[in-house]
């Protein structure tokens, strides 16, 4: 694939971040999400790809969003066919309440390479490059933590595990506390939380717990680019969800490895901060109708990770200014 796609993907997430950030602290997560979607779609329409959304904001009958099955890009005769996974605003409540860790996210890979994950829950584990291939989703938590302690050369009490602050994780929290590790809970945004395991400066060593399956595919795409590791397993809580897995040909009892979630080695990933997070700064509005964004873009084939800080003159970008 054309490596110039990387910078185009950053343009996509920048537009989504600027759109969603306008509603910081306004208390309406839906209008912020819609603004991020609108910004993302407008820029996608200018990119010469023949893309299909496999991870999106909803099903085809929810057309105002970037829905699963939607065609994306200018789709010229020579355009490459790609799968696209999007979350225009990962952390809608964070934006609505003016809280940290909201980002705009997109991943892209050749057609057939991204798992079309059903919109349900997924049990997950994510670690950085030093622990790749060593920790397993079905291992006891304490066993995985001992492995991490050895490969990272950290005492158990110096390890930090992060997970969503949910009642369903009460047993997991107890097990981590019994092991003596530090725990960092977060309210939303497990794509960014998984990515944080690959940046040493964040201090996050492992992400575990149950979150959204679509976000799991996006996280796997990011970690593939960064050399980390990710495993997941679908968690259908209702009979209808279990039936959906069967209809889609997905074994919900199987552990999904990185290769199950993101095939091959031609993956692009981009994210732009909307509010301040572990490794990305949020959108800052300056004088003279300008906005500053902070993004990361990655390509699995080369392993390159680029951080991009951009100043946008909004009067020159009418679609951003609305």
Protein backbone atom coordinates (compact mmCIF):
# COMPACT_ATOMS: atom_id res chain seq x y z
CA UNK A 1 0.00 0.00 0.00
CA UNK A 2 1.02 3.60 -0.57
CA UNK A 3 2.92 4.89 2.47
CA UNK A 4 1.39 8.33 1.87
CA UNK A 5 -1.81 6.86 3.30
CA UNK A 6 -0.28 7.46 6.73
CA UNK A 7 -0.44 11.25 6.50
CA UNK A 8 -3.93 11.08 5.01
CA UNK A 9 -5.12 9.04 7.98
CA UNK A 10 -3.78 11.72 10.31
CA UNK A 11 -5.83 14.29 8.42
CA UNK A 12 -8.88 12.09 9.07
CA UNK A 13 -8.33 11.83 12.84
CA UNK A 14 -7.40 15.52 13.12
CA UNK A 15 -10.72 16.50 11.53
CA UNK A 16 -12.63 14.19 13.88
CA UNK A 17 -10.77 15.50 16.93
CA UNK A 18 -11.37 19.15 16.05
CA UNK A 19 -15.05 18.43 15.42
CA UNK A 20 -15.62 16.58 18.67
CA UNK A 21 -13.50 18.89 20.80
CA UNK A 22 -15.79 21.86 20.12
CA UNK A 23 -18.28 20.30 22.54
CA UNK A 24 -15.84 19.77 25.43
CA UNK A 25 -17.69 19.83 28.73
CA UNK A 26 -21.05 20.66 27.13
CA UNK A 27 -22.69 17.59 28.66
CA UNK A 28 -23.92 16.12 25.36
CA UNK A 29 -21.88 13.11 24.26
CA UNK A 30 -24.08 12.45 21.22
CA UNK A 31 -23.57 15.83 19.59
CA UNK A 32 -19.81 15.58 20.20
CA UNK A 33 -19.74 12.12 18.64
CA UNK A 34 -21.75 13.30 15.62
CA UNK A 35 -19.40 16.24 15.08
CA UNK A 36 -16.41 13.88 15.15
CA UNK A 37 -18.12 11.55 12.66
CA UNK A 38 -18.92 14.42 10.31
CA UNK A 39 -15.34 15.66 10.35
CA UNK A 40 -13.93 12.20 9.74
CA UNK A 41 -16.28 11.43 6.86
CA UNK A 42 -15.56 14.71 5.01
CA UNK A 43 -11.83 14.03 4.91
CA UNK A 44 -12.25 10.34 4.03
CA UNK A 45 -14.23 11.41 0.97
CA UNK A 46 -11.12 13.17 -0.39
CA UNK A 47 -8.81 10.11 -0.13
CA UNK A 48 -8.39 7.86 -3.17
CA UNK A 49 -9.22 4.49 -1.62
CA UNK A 50 -11.99 1.97 -2.14
CA UNK A 51 -12.71 1.34 1.51
CA UNK A 52 -15.38 -0.44 3.50
CA UNK A 53 -16.05 0.19 7.19
CA UNK A 54 -15.75 -3.11 9.10
CA UNK A 55 -15.62 -1.49 12.54
CA UNK A 56 -17.84 1.55 12.83
CA UNK A 57 -20.46 3.47 14.74
CA UNK A 58 -23.38 1.15 14.05
CA UNK A 59 -25.28 -0.86 11.50
CA UNK A 60 -26.41 0.28 8.05
CA UNK A 61 -29.75 1.62 9.29
CA UNK A 62 -27.86 4.18 11.40
CA UNK A 63 -26.69 6.13 8.35
CA UNK A 64 -25.79 9.41 10.12
CA UNK A 65 -22.85 7.58 11.65
CA UNK A 66 -19.95 5.79 9.94
CA UNK A 67 -21.83 2.51 9.78
CA UNK A 68 -20.55 -1.01 9.23
CA UNK A 69 -20.61 -1.76 5.52
CA UNK A 70 -20.39 1.89 4.46
CA UNK A 71 -18.19 2.60 1.44
CA UNK A 72 -15.44 5.14 2.14
CA UNK A 73 -13.11 7.13 -0.13
CA UNK A 74 -13.26 8.54 -3.63
CA UNK A 75 -13.26 4.97 -5.03
CA UNK A 76 -11.55 5.72 -8.35
CA UNK A 77 -10.96 2.92 -10.84
CA UNK A 78 -7.41 2.31 -9.60
CA UNK A 79 -8.09 2.81 -5.88
CA UNK A 80 -6.89 0.05 -3.55
CA UNK A 81 -9.52 -1.96 -1.71
CA UNK A 82 -9.14 -1.68 2.06
CA UNK A 83 -10.84 -2.48 5.34
CA UNK A 84 -11.35 0.46 7.66
CA UNK A 85 -11.93 0.48 11.41
CA UNK A 86 -13.00 3.77 12.97
CA UNK A 87 -13.89 5.24 16.32
CA UNK A 88 -14.33 8.96 15.64
CA UNK A 89 -14.61 9.62 19.37
CA UNK A 90 -13.32 6.96 21.73
CA UNK A 91 -14.42 8.39 25.07
CA UNK A 92 -17.65 10.25 24.37
CA UNK A 93 -18.40 10.81 28.06
CA UNK A 94 -14.87 12.11 28.59
CA UNK A 95 -15.56 14.89 26.09
CA UNK A 96 -19.06 15.58 27.44
CA UNK A 97 -17.66 15.97 30.97
CA UNK A 98 -14.32 17.55 30.05
CA UNK A 99 -12.33 14.55 31.30
CA UNK A 100 -9.03 13.07 30.00
CA UNK A 101 -8.31 10.24 27.55
CA UNK A 102 -10.64 10.92 24.60
CA UNK A 103 -9.12 10.26 21.17
CA UNK A 104 -10.15 9.95 17.52
CA UNK A 105 -8.96 6.68 16.01
CA UNK A 106 -8.72 4.96 12.62
CA UNK A 107 -7.03 1.80 11.35
CA UNK A 108 -6.69 0.65 7.74
CA UNK A 109 -5.54 -2.62 6.17
CA UNK A 110 -5.93 -4.50 2.87
CA UNK A 111 -9.37 -5.94 2.15
CA UNK A 112 -10.16 -8.93 4.35
CA UNK A 113 -7.47 -8.22 6.95
CA UNK A 114 -9.48 -6.63 9.78
CA UNK A 115 -11.90 -8.77 11.78
CA UNK A 116 -15.48 -7.59 11.44
CA UNK A 117 -16.07 -7.85 15.18
CA UNK A 118 -19.70 -7.82 16.35
CA UNK A 119 -20.77 -4.98 18.61
CA UNK A 120 -20.52 -6.81 21.93
CA UNK A 121 -18.06 -7.24 24.75
CA UNK A 122 -14.59 -8.75 24.55
CA UNK A 123 -12.28 -10.01 27.29
CA UNK A 124 -8.83 -8.52 26.58
CA UNK A 125 -5.21 -8.46 27.56
CA UNK A 126 -2.60 -6.08 26.13
CA UNK A 127 1.13 -5.79 26.82
CA UNK A 128 4.16 -4.08 25.32
CA UNK A 129 6.89 -5.53 23.08
CA UNK A 130 9.04 -7.03 25.87
CA UNK A 131 6.20 -9.33 26.94
CA UNK A 132 5.06 -10.29 23.44
CA UNK A 133 4.11 -13.97 23.20
CA UNK A 134 4.61 -14.55 26.93
CA UNK A 135 1.36 -13.59 28.65
CA UNK A 136 -1.90 -15.37 27.84
CA UNK A 137 -5.52 -14.38 28.29
CA UNK A 138 -6.35 -17.66 30.08
CA UNK A 139 -3.40 -17.54 32.46
CA UNK A 140 -4.17 -16.65 36.08
CA UNK A 141 -3.55 -12.95 36.63
CA UNK A 142 -0.79 -13.64 39.14
CA UNK A 143 1.02 -15.88 36.65
CA UNK A 144 0.97 -13.18 33.98
CA UNK A 145 2.18 -10.61 36.49
CA UNK A 146 5.12 -12.80 37.50
CA UNK A 147 6.09 -13.07 33.83
CA UNK A 148 5.87 -9.30 33.45
CA UNK A 149 7.95 -8.77 36.58
CA UNK A 150 10.73 -10.93 35.14
CA UNK A 151 10.79 -9.63 31.56
CA UNK A 152 10.44 -5.97 32.54
CA UNK A 153 12.92 -6.29 35.42
CA UNK A 154 10.44 -4.67 37.81
CA UNK A 155 9.44 -5.65 41.31
CA UNK A 156 5.85 -6.80 41.58
CA UNK A 157 4.94 -3.69 43.56
CA UNK A 158 6.34 -1.51 40.75
CA UNK A 159 4.10 -3.00 38.05
CA UNK A 160 1.02 -1.02 36.96
CA UNK A 161 -2.11 -2.67 35.59
CA UNK A 162 -4.91 -0.68 34.03
CA UNK A 163 -8.56 -1.61 33.44
CA UNK A 164 -11.99 -0.07 33.05
CA UNK A 165 -13.59 1.03 36.32
CA UNK A 166 -16.52 -1.39 36.17
CA UNK A 167 -18.25 -3.63 38.72
CA UNK A 168 -17.58 -6.65 36.48
CA UNK A 169 -13.86 -6.22 37.24
CA UNK A 170 -14.17 -6.45 41.03
CA UNK A 171 -12.67 -9.96 41.17
CA UNK A 172 -9.88 -8.96 38.80
CA UNK A 173 -9.09 -5.92 40.95
CA UNK A 174 -8.95 -8.10 44.07
CA UNK A 175 -6.53 -10.51 42.37
CA UNK A 176 -4.27 -7.65 41.30
CA UNK A 177 -4.31 -6.18 44.80
CA UNK A 178 -3.48 -9.59 46.26
CA UNK A 179 -0.47 -9.75 43.94
CA UNK A 180 0.69 -6.38 45.26
CA UNK A 181 0.72 -4.47 41.96
CA UNK A 182 -0.40 -0.91 41.33
CA UNK A 183 -3.81 -0.47 39.68
CA UNK A 184 -4.91 2.42 37.49
CA UNK A 185 -8.62 2.50 36.68
CA UNK A 186 -10.12 4.50 33.83
CA UNK A 187 -13.70 5.33 32.88
CA UNK A 188 -13.55 5.19 29.07
CA UNK A 189 -11.10 4.78 26.22
CA UNK A 190 -9.59 1.31 26.25
CA UNK A 191 -7.96 1.74 22.81
CA UNK A 192 -5.67 4.36 24.30
CA UNK A 193 -5.22 2.29 27.46
CA UNK A 194 -4.02 -0.70 25.43
CA UNK A 195 -1.65 1.52 23.44
CA UNK A 196 -0.21 2.94 26.67
CA UNK A 197 1.39 -0.45 27.41
CA UNK A 198 3.77 0.14 24.49
CA UNK A 199 4.97 3.58 25.59
CA UNK A 200 7.38 3.28 28.53
CA UNK A 201 6.77 6.86 29.58
CA UNK A 202 3.18 6.06 30.56
CA UNK A 203 4.21 3.58 33.25
CA UNK A 204 1.42 1.19 32.18
CA UNK A 205 2.59 -2.43 31.98
CA UNK A 206 -0.60 -4.35 31.20
CA UNK A 207 -4.22 -3.69 30.30
CA UNK A 208 -6.81 -6.34 31.17
CA UNK A 209 -10.55 -6.74 31.43
CA UNK A 210 -13.77 -6.67 29.46
CA UNK A 211 -14.53 -3.84 27.05
CA UNK A 212 -15.97 -3.35 23.58
CA UNK A 213 -15.04 -5.84 20.85
CA UNK A 214 -14.76 -3.21 18.08
CA UNK A 215 -12.29 -1.29 20.24
CA UNK A 216 -10.36 -4.54 20.63
CA UNK A 217 -9.71 -4.71 16.89
CA UNK A 218 -8.55 -1.09 16.84
CA UNK A 219 -6.25 -1.73 19.79
CA UNK A 220 -4.82 -4.84 18.11
CA UNK A 221 -4.07 -2.81 14.97
CA UNK A 222 -2.19 -0.22 17.01
CA UNK A 223 -0.22 -2.80 19.00
CA UNK A 224 0.69 -4.67 15.82
CA UNK A 225 2.33 -1.48 14.56
CA UNK A 226 4.15 -0.99 17.89
CA UNK A 227 5.32 -4.57 18.36
CA UNK A 228 3.14 -5.23 21.38
CA UNK A 229 0.75 -8.11 21.95
CA UNK A 230 -3.00 -8.38 22.29
CA UNK A 231 -5.42 -11.25 22.85
CA UNK A 232 -9.19 -11.19 23.12
CA UNK A 233 -12.24 -13.39 23.36
CA UNK A 234 -15.81 -12.38 22.64
CA UNK A 235 -18.15 -12.31 25.63
CA UNK A 236 -21.79 -12.66 24.55
CA UNK A 237 -24.02 -11.81 27.52
CA UNK A 238 -27.26 -12.63 25.70
CA UNK A 239 -28.45 -15.48 23.48
CA UNK A 240 -28.92 -13.06 20.59
CA UNK A 241 -25.26 -12.06 20.80
CA UNK A 242 -24.17 -15.68 20.80
CA UNK A 243 -26.33 -16.32 17.73
CA UNK A 244 -24.76 -13.32 16.01
CA UNK A 245 -21.31 -14.79 16.54
CA UNK A 246 -22.47 -18.06 14.95
CA UNK A 247 -24.03 -16.19 12.01
CA UNK A 248 -20.77 -14.32 11.45
CA UNK A 249 -18.72 -17.51 11.62
CA UNK A 250 -16.86 -16.45 14.77
CA UNK A 251 -16.21 -18.93 17.59
CA UNK A 252 -16.91 -16.87 20.71
CA UNK A 253 -15.08 -19.41 22.88
CA UNK A 254 -11.82 -19.08 20.96
CA UNK A 255 -8.98 -16.84 22.05
CA UNK A 256 -8.43 -14.36 19.24
CA UNK A 257 -4.76 -13.65 18.67
CA UNK A 258 -3.28 -10.60 17.01
CA UNK A 259 -3.30 -12.41 13.66
CA UNK A 260 -6.98 -13.35 14.07
CA UNK A 261 -7.88 -9.72 14.67
CA UNK A 262 -5.50 -8.06 12.22
CA UNK A 263 -4.06 -10.22 9.45
CA UNK A 264 -0.82 -9.58 7.62
CA UNK A 265 1.73 -6.84 8.01
CA UNK A 266 0.25 -3.92 6.08
CA UNK A 267 -1.60 -2.06 8.77
CA UNK A 268 -1.88 1.71 9.21
CA UNK A 269 -3.08 3.31 12.41
CA UNK A 270 -3.65 6.93 13.41
CA UNK A 271 -5.01 8.66 16.49
CA UNK A 272 -5.44 12.30 17.51
CA UNK A 273 -5.97 13.47 21.07
CA UNK A 274 -9.26 15.20 21.81
CA UNK A 275 -8.65 15.63 25.53
CA UNK A 276 -5.27 15.16 27.25
CA UNK A 277 -4.24 11.54 27.73
CA UNK A 278 -1.34 9.26 28.57
CA UNK A 279 0.61 9.98 25.38
CA UNK A 280 -1.42 12.47 23.33
CA UNK A 281 -2.35 16.04 24.17
CA UNK A 282 -5.88 17.22 23.50
CA UNK A 283 -7.01 19.87 21.03
CA UNK A 284 -6.01 23.40 22.05
CA UNK A 285 -7.83 26.42 20.62
CA UNK A 286 -5.62 29.46 20.16
CA UNK A 287 -6.26 33.02 19.00
CA UNK A 288 -6.91 34.06 15.40
CA UNK A 289 -9.14 31.04 14.74
CA UNK A 290 -6.39 28.44 15.08
CA UNK A 291 -6.35 25.03 16.72
CA UNK A 292 -3.45 22.80 17.71
CA UNK A 293 -3.62 19.00 17.50
CA UNK A 294 -1.33 16.21 18.65
CA UNK A 295 -1.43 12.90 16.77
CA UNK A 296 0.36 9.60 16.36
CA UNK A 297 0.52 7.63 13.10
CA UNK A 298 2.02 4.18 12.66
CA UNK A 299 2.74 1.66 9.94
CA UNK A 300 3.27 -2.01 10.81
CA UNK A 301 5.42 -2.87 7.79
CA UNK A 302 8.20 -0.50 8.86
CA UNK A 303 7.40 -0.17 12.55
CA UNK A 304 7.64 3.61 12.23
CA UNK A 305 5.84 5.64 14.90
CA UNK A 306 5.44 9.34 14.16
CA UNK A 307 4.09 11.99 16.50
CA UNK A 308 2.68 14.98 14.66
CA UNK A 309 1.87 18.35 16.18
CA UNK A 310 -0.13 20.54 13.84
CA UNK A 311 -1.49 24.08 13.81
CA UNK A 312 -4.75 24.45 11.86
CA UNK A 313 -5.94 27.79 10.50
CA UNK A 314 -9.64 27.13 10.73
CA UNK A 315 -10.70 29.93 8.38
CA UNK A 316 -8.83 28.09 5.60
CA UNK A 317 -10.69 24.88 6.39
CA UNK A 318 -14.40 25.76 6.20
CA UNK A 319 -15.53 22.24 7.11
CA UNK A 320 -13.49 22.45 10.35
CA UNK A 321 -14.84 25.85 11.27
CA UNK A 322 -18.51 24.92 11.27
